[in-house]
Amino acid sequence: MRVGWGTDVHRFGGPGPMKLGGVVVDESRGVEATSDGDVLAHAAADALLGAAALGDLGDLFPSGDTRWRGADSMALLAVTVGRVRVAGYRVSSIDVTVIAEKVRVSPHREAIRHRLAEVLEVEADRVSVKATSTDGLGFLGRDEGLAAVVVVVLAES
């Protein structure tokens, strides 16, 4: 068994849509990013890579590489899952926390869980998605961006 922890943060900016776990949660506002800016998918990929000791997201998908401009983050997560499988591991469970002041996760929670489960190749009951705010503190509290923190457990294949 291996445990990985991943995080990602993006500043709000530009047109929408904003995605979390491949699900559109806000049509009107977007984030500044090389890819589509899905912080949840990025944090999940980083946690997977860490658990399997395969480096980090920037190693696999360098932000300076134009191939990733506008890329679908869930497709990048799927590539990451493939790398983890080749290394001899499979996802056992994942726990996600989205941190944002005004972005509402609860109306989209089940869709996010099921989309993550599909890409991670696990049952939805192995996927936990939660949200919290910083109660007005810091850049997240000022609604300047959002973050995601992910813990993943891998088992040997």
Protein backbone atom coordinates (compact mmCIF):
# COMPACT_ATOMS: atom_id res chain seq x y z
CA MET A 1 0.00 0.00 0.00
CA ARG A 2 1.21 3.52 -0.83
CA VAL A 3 -0.17 6.93 0.10
CA GLY A 4 0.18 10.09 -1.96
CA TRP A 5 -0.72 13.71 -1.30
CA GLY A 6 -1.25 16.31 -3.99
CA THR A 7 -2.30 19.93 -4.17
CA ASP A 8 -2.96 22.53 -6.83
CA VAL A 9 -3.96 26.20 -6.83
CA HIS A 10 -5.14 28.45 -9.66
CA ARG A 11 -5.99 32.14 -9.82
CA PHE A 12 -9.36 33.09 -11.28
CA GLY A 13 -9.17 34.81 -14.65
CA GLY A 14 -10.47 34.70 -18.15
CA PRO A 15 -13.68 33.28 -19.49
CA GLY A 16 -15.23 30.08 -18.26
CA PRO A 17 -16.04 27.38 -17.96
CA MET A 18 -14.45 26.31 -14.68
CA LYS A 19 -14.17 22.54 -14.22
CA LEU A 20 -13.64 20.39 -11.15
CA GLY A 21 -13.03 16.71 -11.76
CA GLY A 22 -14.04 17.18 -15.39
CA VAL A 23 -17.43 18.63 -14.44
CA VAL A 24 -18.36 22.24 -15.29
CA VAL A 25 -19.13 24.02 -12.00
CA ASP A 26 -19.18 27.62 -13.29
CA GLU A 27 -19.89 28.69 -16.87
CA SER A 28 -19.03 32.37 -16.40
CA ARG A 29 -15.59 32.35 -14.85
CA GLY A 30 -12.38 30.52 -15.59
CA VAL A 31 -8.90 30.13 -14.17
CA GLU A 32 -5.43 31.06 -15.36
CA ALA A 33 -3.65 27.86 -16.42
CA THR A 34 -1.75 26.20 -19.23
CA SER A 35 -4.35 23.40 -19.50
CA ASP A 36 -8.06 23.78 -18.76
CA GLY A 37 -7.07 24.52 -15.14
CA ASP A 38 -9.00 21.76 -13.35
CA VAL A 39 -7.35 22.02 -9.90
CA LEU A 40 -8.98 18.81 -8.70
CA ALA A 41 -7.65 16.76 -11.62
CA HIS A 42 -4.20 18.32 -11.23
CA ALA A 43 -4.04 17.62 -7.49
CA ALA A 44 -5.26 14.05 -8.06
CA ALA A 45 -2.59 13.43 -10.71
CA ASP A 46 0.08 14.87 -8.43
CA ALA A 47 -1.05 12.62 -5.55
CA LEU A 48 -0.97 9.55 -7.81
CA LEU A 49 2.50 10.37 -9.08
CA GLY A 50 3.73 10.95 -5.53
CA ALA A 51 2.30 7.69 -4.21
CA ALA A 52 3.96 5.73 -7.01
CA ALA A 53 7.22 7.73 -6.68
CA LEU A 54 6.96 8.83 -10.33
CA GLY A 55 7.81 12.50 -9.86
CA ASP A 56 5.25 15.28 -10.09
CA LEU A 57 2.80 16.81 -12.52
CA GLY A 58 5.36 19.28 -13.87
CA ASP A 59 7.71 16.41 -14.74
CA LEU A 60 5.07 14.61 -16.79
CA PHE A 61 3.33 17.66 -18.28
CA PRO A 62 5.71 20.68 -18.18
CA SER A 63 3.77 23.97 -18.17
CA GLY A 64 6.19 25.45 -20.72
CA ASP A 65 5.33 22.76 -23.27
CA THR A 66 2.75 24.13 -25.72
CA ARG A 67 1.30 20.63 -26.26
CA TRP A 68 -0.55 21.04 -22.96
CA ARG A 69 -2.07 24.47 -23.76
CA GLY A 70 -5.81 24.11 -23.18
CA ALA A 71 -5.47 20.36 -22.56
CA ASP A 72 -8.32 18.44 -20.93
CA SER A 73 -7.05 17.84 -17.39
CA MET A 74 -9.07 14.64 -17.05
CA ALA A 75 -7.24 13.26 -20.09
CA LEU A 76 -3.97 14.15 -18.35
CA LEU A 77 -5.24 12.37 -15.24
CA ALA A 78 -6.05 9.30 -17.35
CA VAL A 79 -2.49 9.28 -18.72
CA THR A 80 -1.24 9.50 -15.13
CA VAL A 81 -3.43 6.55 -14.09
CA GLY A 82 -1.88 4.56 -16.94
CA ARG A 83 1.63 5.37 -15.73
CA VAL A 84 0.70 4.30 -12.20
CA ARG A 85 -0.70 0.99 -13.55
CA VAL A 86 2.50 0.34 -15.52
CA ALA A 87 4.42 0.89 -12.27
CA GLY A 88 2.38 -1.93 -10.71
CA TYR A 89 -0.28 -0.04 -8.73
CA ARG A 90 -4.00 0.61 -8.83
CA VAL A 91 -6.08 3.20 -7.02
CA SER A 92 -7.67 1.90 -3.83
CA SER A 93 -9.31 5.14 -2.66
CA ILE A 94 -9.12 8.90 -3.07
CA ASP A 95 -10.17 11.77 -0.80
CA VAL A 96 -10.52 15.24 -2.33
CA THR A 97 -11.05 18.62 -0.67
CA VAL A 98 -11.75 21.70 -2.79
CA ILE A 99 -10.95 24.99 -1.05
CA ALA A 100 -12.79 28.05 -2.37
CA GLU A 101 -14.84 30.91 -1.02
CA LYS A 102 -17.72 31.06 -3.52
CA VAL A 103 -17.41 28.03 -5.78
CA ARG A 104 -20.15 25.59 -4.82
CA VAL A 105 -19.22 21.92 -5.03
CA SER A 106 -22.26 20.29 -3.41
CA PRO A 107 -24.60 20.61 -6.44
CA HIS A 108 -21.97 18.82 -8.54
CA ARG A 109 -20.54 16.38 -5.97
CA GLU A 110 -22.09 13.18 -7.34
CA ALA A 111 -21.20 13.99 -10.95
CA ILE A 112 -17.61 14.74 -9.89
CA ARG A 113 -17.38 11.51 -7.87
CA HIS A 114 -18.62 9.40 -10.77
CA ARG A 115 -16.39 11.11 -13.35
CA LEU A 116 -13.33 10.64 -11.10
CA ALA A 117 -14.27 7.01 -10.47
CA GLU A 118 -14.49 6.41 -14.21
CA VAL A 119 -11.05 7.90 -14.94
CA LEU A 120 -9.41 6.31 -11.87
CA GLU A 121 -10.99 2.93 -12.69
CA VAL A 122 -12.55 2.48 -9.24
CA GLU A 123 -16.06 2.25 -7.84
CA ALA A 124 -17.64 5.59 -6.88
CA ASP A 125 -17.77 4.53 -3.23
CA ARG A 126 -13.95 4.74 -3.26
CA VAL A 127 -14.10 8.46 -4.16
CA SER A 128 -14.76 11.17 -1.57
CA VAL A 129 -15.29 14.79 -2.65
CA LYS A 130 -15.63 17.55 -0.06
CA ALA A 131 -15.39 21.33 -0.03
CA THR A 132 -14.49 24.01 2.46
CA SER A 133 -13.75 27.72 2.56
CA THR A 134 -11.16 29.77 4.40
CA ASP A 135 -13.84 31.98 5.99
CA GLY A 136 -12.57 35.06 4.21
CA LEU A 137 -8.89 34.56 5.04
CA GLY A 138 -6.09 34.94 2.49
CA PHE A 139 -6.25 34.93 -1.31
CA LEU A 140 -8.74 32.07 -1.31
CA GLY A 141 -10.93 33.95 1.14
CA ARG A 142 -10.80 37.04 -1.07
CA ASP A 143 -12.13 34.82 -3.88
CA GLU A 144 -9.02 35.34 -6.00
CA GLY A 145 -8.65 31.64 -6.79
CA LEU A 146 -9.31 28.10 -5.68
CA ALA A 147 -7.32 25.10 -4.52
CA ALA A 148 -7.64 21.35 -4.19
CA VAL A 149 -5.95 18.92 -1.82
CA VAL A 150 -6.01 15.19 -2.54
CA VAL A 151 -4.95 12.08 -0.63
CA VAL A 152 -4.81 8.83 -2.58
CA VAL A 153 -4.16 5.26 -1.49
CA LEU A 154 -2.62 2.88 -4.02
CA ALA A 155 -2.54 -0.89 -3.78
CA GLU A 156 -0.27 -3.25 -5.68
CA SER A 157 -1.92 -4.53 -8.87
